[in-house]
Amino acid sequence: MKSLAELEAIRERALKEMSLRENTGKIRVVVGMATCGIAAGARPVMNAFIEELHKRNVQNVNVTMTGCIGVCRLEPIAEVITPDGKKTTYVKLDPEKARRIVVEHLINGRPVKEYTIDEVE
């Protein structure tokens, strides 16, 4: 960092990333980030959600993290919760699956059934 302009650019970028994580949006994506989730690759999954939402300029979705969701053998896990409270649980995720969920579920409103807990179990 060599100037105030660079510092301001870093600040703006950080505020924009933080707004994606705040819990004030209409749709929430909650990623399990307990030790079991992190060991299974939850951090790259969460980053993929944030990056894809940012890339597509989706403003009505917030990405947050939580502790253990309770089915460690199916990690990484993410839940999509709509404003009306409907919850879809996605399991055994990777960054590519997260990107597909952004496009198909969060943007086009069609859950990706083959990644849901109902299809895997």
Foldseek 3Di string as FASTA:
>chain_A
DPDVVVVVVVVVVVVVLVLQADPPAQKEKEWADAPLQVVLPRVQQLVLLSVLCVVVVPRRYHYHYDHDPDCSVFHRKIWIAGNVGDIWIFTPDHSVVSNVCCVCCVPVNHGPVCRTPVNVD
